[in-house]
Amino acid sequence: MGPGSRSQSSLGRDDQRSVGPEAARAATQAIPSIPCDAEGPVFREPWEAQAFAMTLALHERGLFTWPQWAATLSDEIKRAQAAGDPDTGETYYRHWLNALERIVSEQGVTDAETLHKYEHAWEHAAHRTPHGEPIELRPEDFHEHHDH
């Protein structure tokens, strides 16, 4: 199914409440490449909506302007295309997530090392969590594990 199909999820009710529909509307106006349908942004996976919501929340807190975001996202997309990304639209939110990681590092919120530490802890937590259960990070997830 293509972009905008009903199998994709729009911004969920909880996500809308946390960022506000006005914020989502402003983002889609400022960043025209955001995949949308008549109801607003659409996402293929829940993590895409979560990355979108985090970005809106950080923008509302003043971490960056939409022109700064657009430039960072554009740079990440160009970088991926130069590395062979087919630019079919299916990887859009991967670029979005890379841009989010980059901008929080550039703004001094965190650094790449900390992001990688959490990424590996999340992978460990996901590995030990039964399917269908919520993934929760525990202190032991942050220890080096080589048994994946």
N, C-alpha and C. Protein backbone atom coordinates (compact mmCIF):
# COMPACT_ATOMS: atom_id res chain seq x y z
N MET A 1 0.84 -1.18 0.00
CA MET A 1 0.00 0.00 0.00
C MET A 1 0.88 1.24 0.00
N GLY A 2 0.44 2.26 -0.65
CA GLY A 2 1.24 3.46 -0.79
C GLY A 2 1.00 4.45 0.32
N PRO A 3 1.74 5.58 0.27
CA PRO A 3 1.57 6.62 1.27
C PRO A 3 0.11 7.07 1.34
N GLY A 4 -0.35 7.28 2.55
CA GLY A 4 -1.70 7.76 2.76
C GLY A 4 -2.73 6.65 2.83
N SER A 5 -2.32 5.39 2.64
CA SER A 5 -3.29 4.30 2.70
C SER A 5 -3.80 4.15 4.13
N ARG A 6 -4.94 3.58 4.27
CA ARG A 6 -5.58 3.46 5.58
C ARG A 6 -4.84 2.50 6.50
N SER A 7 -3.93 1.66 5.97
CA SER A 7 -3.19 0.77 6.86
C SER A 7 -2.13 1.53 7.64
N GLN A 8 -1.82 2.71 7.18
CA GLN A 8 -0.85 3.53 7.89
C GLN A 8 -1.57 4.30 8.98
N SER A 9 -0.84 4.65 10.03
CA SER A 9 -1.49 5.35 11.13
C SER A 9 -1.24 6.84 11.03
N SER A 10 -2.27 7.60 11.33
CA SER A 10 -2.11 9.03 11.49
C SER A 10 -1.61 9.26 12.90
N LEU A 11 -1.27 10.49 13.21
CA LEU A 11 -0.80 10.82 14.54
C LEU A 11 -1.88 10.41 15.54
N GLY A 12 -1.54 9.54 16.46
CA GLY A 12 -2.51 9.01 17.42
C GLY A 12 -3.02 10.08 18.37
N ARG A 13 -4.15 9.76 19.00
CA ARG A 13 -4.78 10.70 19.92
C ARG A 13 -3.82 11.14 21.02
N ASP A 14 -3.07 10.18 21.61
CA ASP A 14 -2.13 10.53 22.66
C ASP A 14 -1.02 11.42 22.13
N ASP A 15 -0.53 11.13 20.91
CA ASP A 15 0.51 11.95 20.31
C ASP A 15 -0.01 13.35 20.05
N GLN A 16 -1.26 13.47 19.57
CA GLN A 16 -1.84 14.78 19.29
C GLN A 16 -1.96 15.59 20.56
N ARG A 17 -2.37 14.95 21.65
CA ARG A 17 -2.51 15.66 22.91
C ARG A 17 -1.17 16.17 23.41
N SER A 18 -0.12 15.36 23.23
CA SER A 18 1.18 15.75 23.76
C SER A 18 1.83 16.86 22.94
N VAL A 19 1.56 16.93 21.64
CA VAL A 19 2.19 17.96 20.82
C VAL A 19 1.20 18.99 20.31
N GLY A 20 -0.07 18.68 20.33
CA GLY A 20 -1.08 19.62 19.86
C GLY A 20 -1.25 19.59 18.37
N PRO A 21 -2.50 19.58 17.90
CA PRO A 21 -2.74 19.53 16.45
C PRO A 21 -2.20 20.76 15.73
N GLU A 22 -2.15 21.90 16.42
CA GLU A 22 -1.60 23.10 15.78
C GLU A 22 -0.12 22.91 15.47
N ALA A 23 0.59 22.25 16.39
CA ALA A 23 2.02 22.01 16.19
C ALA A 23 2.25 21.08 15.00
N ALA A 24 1.42 20.04 14.89
CA ALA A 24 1.56 19.12 13.76
C ALA A 24 1.25 19.85 12.45
N ARG A 25 0.24 20.70 12.47
CA ARG A 25 -0.12 21.46 11.27
C ARG A 25 1.01 22.42 10.89
N ALA A 26 1.59 23.10 11.88
CA ALA A 26 2.70 24.02 11.61
C ALA A 26 3.90 23.27 11.04
N ALA A 27 4.16 22.08 11.57
CA ALA A 27 5.30 21.30 11.07
C ALA A 27 5.09 20.89 9.63
N THR A 28 3.88 20.45 9.29
CA THR A 28 3.65 20.02 7.91
C THR A 28 3.67 21.19 6.94
N GLN A 29 3.36 22.39 7.43
CA GLN A 29 3.47 23.57 6.58
C GLN A 29 4.92 23.99 6.41
N ALA A 30 5.72 23.88 7.49
CA ALA A 30 7.12 24.29 7.44
C ALA A 30 7.99 23.27 6.70
N ILE A 31 7.62 22.00 6.77
CA ILE A 31 8.40 20.93 6.15
C ILE A 31 7.48 20.20 5.18
N PRO A 32 7.38 20.68 3.93
CA PRO A 32 6.41 20.10 2.99
C PRO A 32 6.66 18.65 2.61
N SER A 33 7.84 18.10 2.90
CA SER A 33 8.13 16.72 2.53
C SER A 33 7.51 15.70 3.48
N ILE A 34 6.92 16.14 4.60
CA ILE A 34 6.32 15.22 5.55
C ILE A 34 5.17 14.47 4.87
N PRO A 35 5.18 13.13 4.89
CA PRO A 35 4.09 12.37 4.28
C PRO A 35 2.76 12.66 4.99
N CYS A 36 1.76 13.08 4.22
CA CYS A 36 0.46 13.46 4.80
C CYS A 36 -0.68 12.92 3.96
N ASP A 37 -1.84 12.85 4.60
CA ASP A 37 -3.09 12.67 3.89
C ASP A 37 -4.00 13.82 4.32
N ALA A 38 -5.29 13.74 4.02
CA ALA A 38 -6.21 14.85 4.33
C ALA A 38 -6.31 15.11 5.84
N GLU A 39 -6.02 14.10 6.65
CA GLU A 39 -6.13 14.25 8.10
C GLU A 39 -4.84 14.70 8.77
N GLY A 40 -3.74 14.74 8.04
CA GLY A 40 -2.47 15.15 8.62
C GLY A 40 -1.37 14.14 8.32
N PRO A 41 -0.30 14.17 9.11
CA PRO A 41 0.84 13.27 8.88
C PRO A 41 0.43 11.80 8.96
N VAL A 42 1.06 10.98 8.13
CA VAL A 42 0.85 9.53 8.18
C VAL A 42 2.18 8.83 8.43
N PHE A 43 2.10 7.67 9.07
CA PHE A 43 3.29 6.93 9.48
C PHE A 43 3.10 5.47 9.16
N ARG A 44 4.17 4.81 8.77
CA ARG A 44 4.12 3.37 8.46
C ARG A 44 4.23 2.54 9.73
N GLU A 45 4.95 3.04 10.72
CA GLU A 45 5.21 2.31 11.96
C GLU A 45 5.02 3.25 13.15
N PRO A 46 4.69 2.72 14.32
CA PRO A 46 4.53 3.58 15.51
C PRO A 46 5.77 4.41 15.85
N TRP A 47 6.97 3.84 15.63
CA TRP A 47 8.19 4.59 15.97
C TRP A 47 8.30 5.87 15.14
N GLU A 48 7.75 5.86 13.93
CA GLU A 48 7.80 7.06 13.09
C GLU A 48 6.98 8.18 13.73
N ALA A 49 5.78 7.84 14.22
CA ALA A 49 4.94 8.83 14.90
C ALA A 49 5.61 9.32 16.17
N GLN A 50 6.30 8.43 16.87
CA GLN A 50 7.00 8.83 18.08
C GLN A 50 8.16 9.78 17.77
N ALA A 51 8.91 9.49 16.72
CA ALA A 51 10.01 10.38 16.32
C ALA A 51 9.46 11.75 15.91
N PHE A 52 8.34 11.74 15.19
CA PHE A 52 7.69 12.99 14.79
C PHE A 52 7.27 13.78 16.03
N ALA A 53 6.62 13.11 16.97
CA ALA A 53 6.16 13.77 18.19
C ALA A 53 7.32 14.32 19.02
N MET A 54 8.41 13.56 19.11
CA MET A 54 9.59 14.06 19.84
C MET A 54 10.14 15.31 19.19
N THR A 55 10.19 15.30 17.86
CA THR A 55 10.71 16.46 17.14
C THR A 55 9.84 17.68 17.38
N LEU A 56 8.52 17.52 17.32
CA LEU A 56 7.61 18.64 17.58
C LEU A 56 7.78 19.16 19.00
N ALA A 57 7.90 18.25 19.97
CA ALA A 57 8.07 18.67 21.35
C ALA A 57 9.37 19.45 21.54
N LEU A 58 10.45 19.00 20.91
CA LEU A 58 11.73 19.71 21.04
C LEU A 58 11.67 21.07 20.33
N HIS A 59 10.97 21.13 19.21
CA HIS A 59 10.79 22.42 18.52
C HIS A 59 10.00 23.38 19.40
N GLU A 60 8.91 22.89 20.01
CA GLU A 60 8.09 23.74 20.87
C GLU A 60 8.88 24.24 22.08
N ARG A 61 9.89 23.48 22.51
CA ARG A 61 10.73 23.90 23.63
C ARG A 61 11.85 24.85 23.18
N GLY A 62 11.91 25.12 21.88
CA GLY A 62 12.88 26.09 21.38
C GLY A 62 14.25 25.54 21.07
N LEU A 63 14.38 24.22 20.97
CA LEU A 63 15.70 23.63 20.70
C LEU A 63 16.21 24.01 19.32
N PHE A 64 15.29 24.16 18.35
CA PHE A 64 15.66 24.53 16.99
C PHE A 64 14.47 25.19 16.31
N THR A 65 14.76 25.89 15.21
CA THR A 65 13.70 26.50 14.40
C THR A 65 13.35 25.52 13.28
N TRP A 66 12.21 25.73 12.62
CA TRP A 66 11.87 24.87 11.49
C TRP A 66 12.87 25.02 10.35
N PRO A 67 13.38 26.22 10.04
CA PRO A 67 14.42 26.29 9.00
C PRO A 67 15.68 25.49 9.37
N GLN A 68 16.07 25.49 10.65
CA GLN A 68 17.21 24.68 11.07
C GLN A 68 16.91 23.20 10.89
N TRP A 69 15.69 22.79 11.27
CA TRP A 69 15.29 21.39 11.13
C TRP A 69 15.30 21.00 9.65
N ALA A 70 14.69 21.83 8.81
CA ALA A 70 14.60 21.52 7.39
C ALA A 70 15.99 21.36 6.79
N ALA A 71 16.93 22.22 7.17
CA ALA A 71 18.29 22.12 6.64
C ALA A 71 18.97 20.83 7.11
N THR A 72 18.78 20.47 8.37
CA THR A 72 19.39 19.25 8.90
C THR A 72 18.78 18.02 8.24
N LEU A 73 17.45 17.99 8.12
CA LEU A 73 16.78 16.86 7.48
C LEU A 73 17.19 16.74 6.02
N SER A 74 17.24 17.86 5.32
CA SER A 74 17.65 17.86 3.92
C SER A 74 19.06 17.32 3.76
N ASP A 75 19.94 17.74 4.66
CA ASP A 75 21.33 17.26 4.62
C ASP A 75 21.39 15.75 4.85
N GLU A 76 20.59 15.24 5.79
CA GLU A 76 20.58 13.80 6.05
C GLU A 76 20.04 13.02 4.84
N ILE A 77 19.02 13.56 4.18
CA ILE A 77 18.46 12.90 2.99
C ILE A 77 19.49 12.90 1.87
N LYS A 78 20.16 14.03 1.66
CA LYS A 78 21.19 14.10 0.61
C LYS A 78 22.33 13.14 0.90
N ARG A 79 22.71 13.06 2.17
CA ARG A 79 23.80 12.14 2.58
C ARG A 79 23.40 10.69 2.29
N ALA A 80 22.15 10.34 2.60
CA ALA A 80 21.68 8.98 2.34
C ALA A 80 21.60 8.69 0.84
N GLN A 81 21.14 9.66 0.07
CA GLN A 81 21.07 9.48 -1.38
C GLN A 81 22.46 9.28 -1.97
N ALA A 82 23.42 10.05 -1.48
CA ALA A 82 24.80 9.92 -1.96
C ALA A 82 25.37 8.54 -1.62
N ALA A 83 24.85 7.95 -0.53
CA ALA A 83 25.31 6.62 -0.11
C ALA A 83 24.50 5.50 -0.77
N GLY A 84 23.56 5.87 -1.66
CA GLY A 84 22.82 4.85 -2.40
C GLY A 84 21.37 4.64 -2.00
N ASP A 85 20.83 5.45 -1.10
CA ASP A 85 19.42 5.32 -0.73
C ASP A 85 18.56 5.53 -1.98
N PRO A 86 17.62 4.61 -2.25
CA PRO A 86 16.82 4.72 -3.49
C PRO A 86 15.78 5.83 -3.47
N ASP A 87 15.57 6.47 -2.32
CA ASP A 87 14.64 7.60 -2.20
C ASP A 87 13.24 7.23 -2.69
N THR A 88 12.72 6.10 -2.18
CA THR A 88 11.38 5.67 -2.54
C THR A 88 10.33 6.17 -1.56
N GLY A 89 10.76 6.84 -0.52
CA GLY A 89 9.84 7.33 0.50
C GLY A 89 9.75 6.42 1.71
N GLU A 90 10.14 5.18 1.54
CA GLU A 90 10.05 4.23 2.65
C GLU A 90 11.08 4.48 3.74
N THR A 91 12.14 5.22 3.43
CA THR A 91 13.20 5.49 4.40
C THR A 91 13.13 6.91 4.96
N TYR A 92 12.08 7.64 4.64
CA TYR A 92 11.97 9.04 5.05
C TYR A 92 12.17 9.22 6.56
N TYR A 93 11.48 8.42 7.36
CA TYR A 93 11.59 8.60 8.81
C TYR A 93 12.89 8.05 9.37
N ARG A 94 13.61 7.22 8.63
CA ARG A 94 14.98 6.86 9.04
C ARG A 94 15.85 8.12 8.96
N HIS A 95 15.67 8.88 7.86
CA HIS A 95 16.42 10.13 7.72
C HIS A 95 15.99 11.12 8.80
N TRP A 96 14.69 11.13 9.08
CA TRP A 96 14.14 12.00 10.12
C TRP A 96 14.81 11.69 11.46
N LEU A 97 14.91 10.40 11.80
CA LEU A 97 15.52 9.99 13.05
C LEU A 97 17.01 10.36 13.08
N ASN A 98 17.71 10.17 11.96
CA ASN A 98 19.12 10.57 11.90
C ASN A 98 19.26 12.07 12.12
N ALA A 99 18.35 12.85 11.52
CA ALA A 99 18.39 14.30 11.70
C ALA A 99 18.11 14.67 13.15
N LEU A 100 17.17 13.97 13.78
CA LEU A 100 16.85 14.23 15.19
C LEU A 100 18.07 13.94 16.07
N GLU A 101 18.71 12.80 15.84
CA GLU A 101 19.91 12.47 16.61
C GLU A 101 20.99 13.52 16.40
N ARG A 102 21.16 13.94 15.17
CA ARG A 102 22.20 14.93 14.86
C ARG A 102 21.91 16.27 15.52
N ILE A 103 20.67 16.73 15.44
CA ILE A 103 20.37 18.06 15.96
C ILE A 103 20.45 18.11 17.49
N VAL A 104 20.05 17.03 18.18
CA VAL A 104 20.17 17.05 19.63
C VAL A 104 21.64 17.00 20.04
N SER A 105 22.47 16.33 19.24
CA SER A 105 23.91 16.34 19.52
C SER A 105 24.50 17.73 19.27
N GLU A 106 24.15 18.32 18.13
CA GLU A 106 24.68 19.65 17.78
C GLU A 106 24.23 20.72 18.77
N GLN A 107 23.05 20.57 19.33
CA GLN A 107 22.52 21.56 20.28
C GLN A 107 22.99 21.29 21.71
N GLY A 108 23.77 20.24 21.90
CA GLY A 108 24.34 19.95 23.21
C GLY A 108 23.40 19.24 24.17
N VAL A 109 22.29 18.71 23.67
CA VAL A 109 21.36 17.99 24.54
C VAL A 109 21.97 16.65 24.97
N THR A 110 22.66 16.02 24.05
CA THR A 110 23.35 14.76 24.32
C THR A 110 24.46 14.63 23.28
N ASP A 111 25.17 13.53 23.33
CA ASP A 111 26.23 13.30 22.34
C ASP A 111 26.04 11.94 21.68
N ALA A 112 26.78 11.72 20.63
CA ALA A 112 26.64 10.48 19.86
C ALA A 112 26.92 9.25 20.72
N GLU A 113 27.88 9.35 21.61
CA GLU A 113 28.22 8.22 22.47
C GLU A 113 27.03 7.82 23.35
N THR A 114 26.36 8.81 23.92
CA THR A 114 25.20 8.53 24.77
C THR A 114 24.05 7.96 23.94
N LEU A 115 23.84 8.50 22.75
CA LEU A 115 22.80 7.97 21.87
C LEU A 115 23.07 6.50 21.55
N HIS A 116 24.32 6.17 21.24
CA HIS A 116 24.67 4.77 20.93
C HIS A 116 24.50 3.88 22.16
N LYS A 117 24.84 4.42 23.32
CA LYS A 117 24.67 3.66 24.57
C LYS A 117 23.19 3.29 24.76
N TYR A 118 22.29 4.25 24.54
CA TYR A 118 20.86 3.98 24.68
C TYR A 118 20.35 3.06 23.57
N GLU A 119 20.88 3.22 22.38
CA GLU A 119 20.48 2.35 21.27
C GLU A 119 20.81 0.89 21.61
N HIS A 120 22.01 0.64 22.12
CA HIS A 120 22.41 -0.72 22.47
C HIS A 120 21.63 -1.23 23.67
N ALA A 121 21.36 -0.37 24.64
CA ALA A 121 20.54 -0.78 25.80
C ALA A 121 19.14 -1.14 25.34
N TRP A 122 18.60 -0.35 24.41
CA TRP A 122 17.26 -0.63 23.89
C TRP A 122 17.24 -1.98 23.16
N GLU A 123 18.27 -2.24 22.37
CA GLU A 123 18.35 -3.53 21.67
C GLU A 123 18.39 -4.68 22.66
N HIS A 124 19.16 -4.51 23.73
CA HIS A 124 19.24 -5.56 24.75
C HIS A 124 17.89 -5.75 25.42
N ALA A 125 17.23 -4.65 25.77
CA ALA A 125 15.92 -4.74 26.42
C ALA A 125 14.89 -5.39 25.49
N ALA A 126 14.94 -5.05 24.22
CA ALA A 126 14.01 -5.63 23.25
C ALA A 126 14.25 -7.13 23.12
N HIS A 127 15.50 -7.53 23.18
CA HIS A 127 15.86 -8.95 23.04
C HIS A 127 15.29 -9.77 24.20
N ARG A 128 15.31 -9.23 25.41
CA ARG A 128 14.85 -9.97 26.59
C ARG A 128 13.35 -9.83 26.84
N THR A 129 12.67 -8.94 26.14
CA THR A 129 11.25 -8.69 26.38
C THR A 129 10.38 -9.61 25.53
N PRO A 130 9.43 -10.31 26.15
CA PRO A 130 8.52 -11.16 25.37
C PRO A 130 7.73 -10.34 24.35
N HIS A 131 7.47 -10.95 23.20
CA HIS A 131 6.70 -10.30 22.14
C HIS A 131 5.37 -9.80 22.68
N GLY A 132 5.03 -8.57 22.34
CA GLY A 132 3.75 -8.00 22.75
C GLY A 132 3.80 -7.27 24.07
N GLU A 133 4.88 -7.42 24.81
CA GLU A 133 5.02 -6.73 26.08
C GLU A 133 5.74 -5.39 25.86
N PRO A 134 5.47 -4.39 26.68
CA PRO A 134 6.19 -3.12 26.53
C PRO A 134 7.67 -3.29 26.89
N ILE A 135 8.49 -2.62 26.14
CA ILE A 135 9.94 -2.67 26.39
C ILE A 135 10.27 -1.61 27.44
N GLU A 136 10.94 -2.05 28.50
CA GLU A 136 11.36 -1.13 29.55
C GLU A 136 12.86 -1.28 29.76
N LEU A 137 13.52 -0.14 29.80
CA LEU A 137 14.96 -0.16 30.05
C LEU A 137 15.21 -0.39 31.54
N ARG A 138 16.19 -1.23 31.83
CA ARG A 138 16.63 -1.50 33.20
C ARG A 138 18.12 -1.19 33.28
N PRO A 139 18.62 -0.96 34.48
CA PRO A 139 20.06 -0.66 34.60
C PRO A 139 20.95 -1.70 33.94
N GLU A 140 20.59 -2.97 34.03
CA GLU A 140 21.44 -4.02 33.44
C GLU A 140 21.47 -3.95 31.92
N ASP A 141 20.53 -3.25 31.30
CA ASP A 141 20.54 -3.11 29.84
C ASP A 141 21.70 -2.22 29.37
N PHE A 142 22.26 -1.45 30.27
CA PHE A 142 23.33 -0.52 29.90
C PHE A 142 24.72 -1.12 30.03
N HIS A 143 24.80 -2.34 30.48
CA HIS A 143 26.10 -3.01 30.57
C HIS A 143 26.43 -3.62 29.22
N GLU A 144 27.69 -3.72 28.93
CA GLU A 144 28.13 -4.31 27.67
C GLU A 144 27.72 -5.76 27.61
N HIS A 145 26.98 -6.11 26.56
CA HIS A 145 26.56 -7.49 26.32
C HIS A 145 27.01 -7.88 24.93
N HIS A 146 27.59 -9.02 24.82
CA HIS A 146 28.07 -9.51 23.52
C HIS A 146 27.39 -10.82 23.13
N ASP A 147 26.24 -11.11 23.76
CA ASP A 147 25.59 -12.39 23.54
C ASP A 147 24.31 -12.26 22.75
N HIS A 148 24.20 -11.27 21.85
CA HIS A 148 22.96 -11.11 21.05
C HIS A 148 22.90 -12.17 20.00
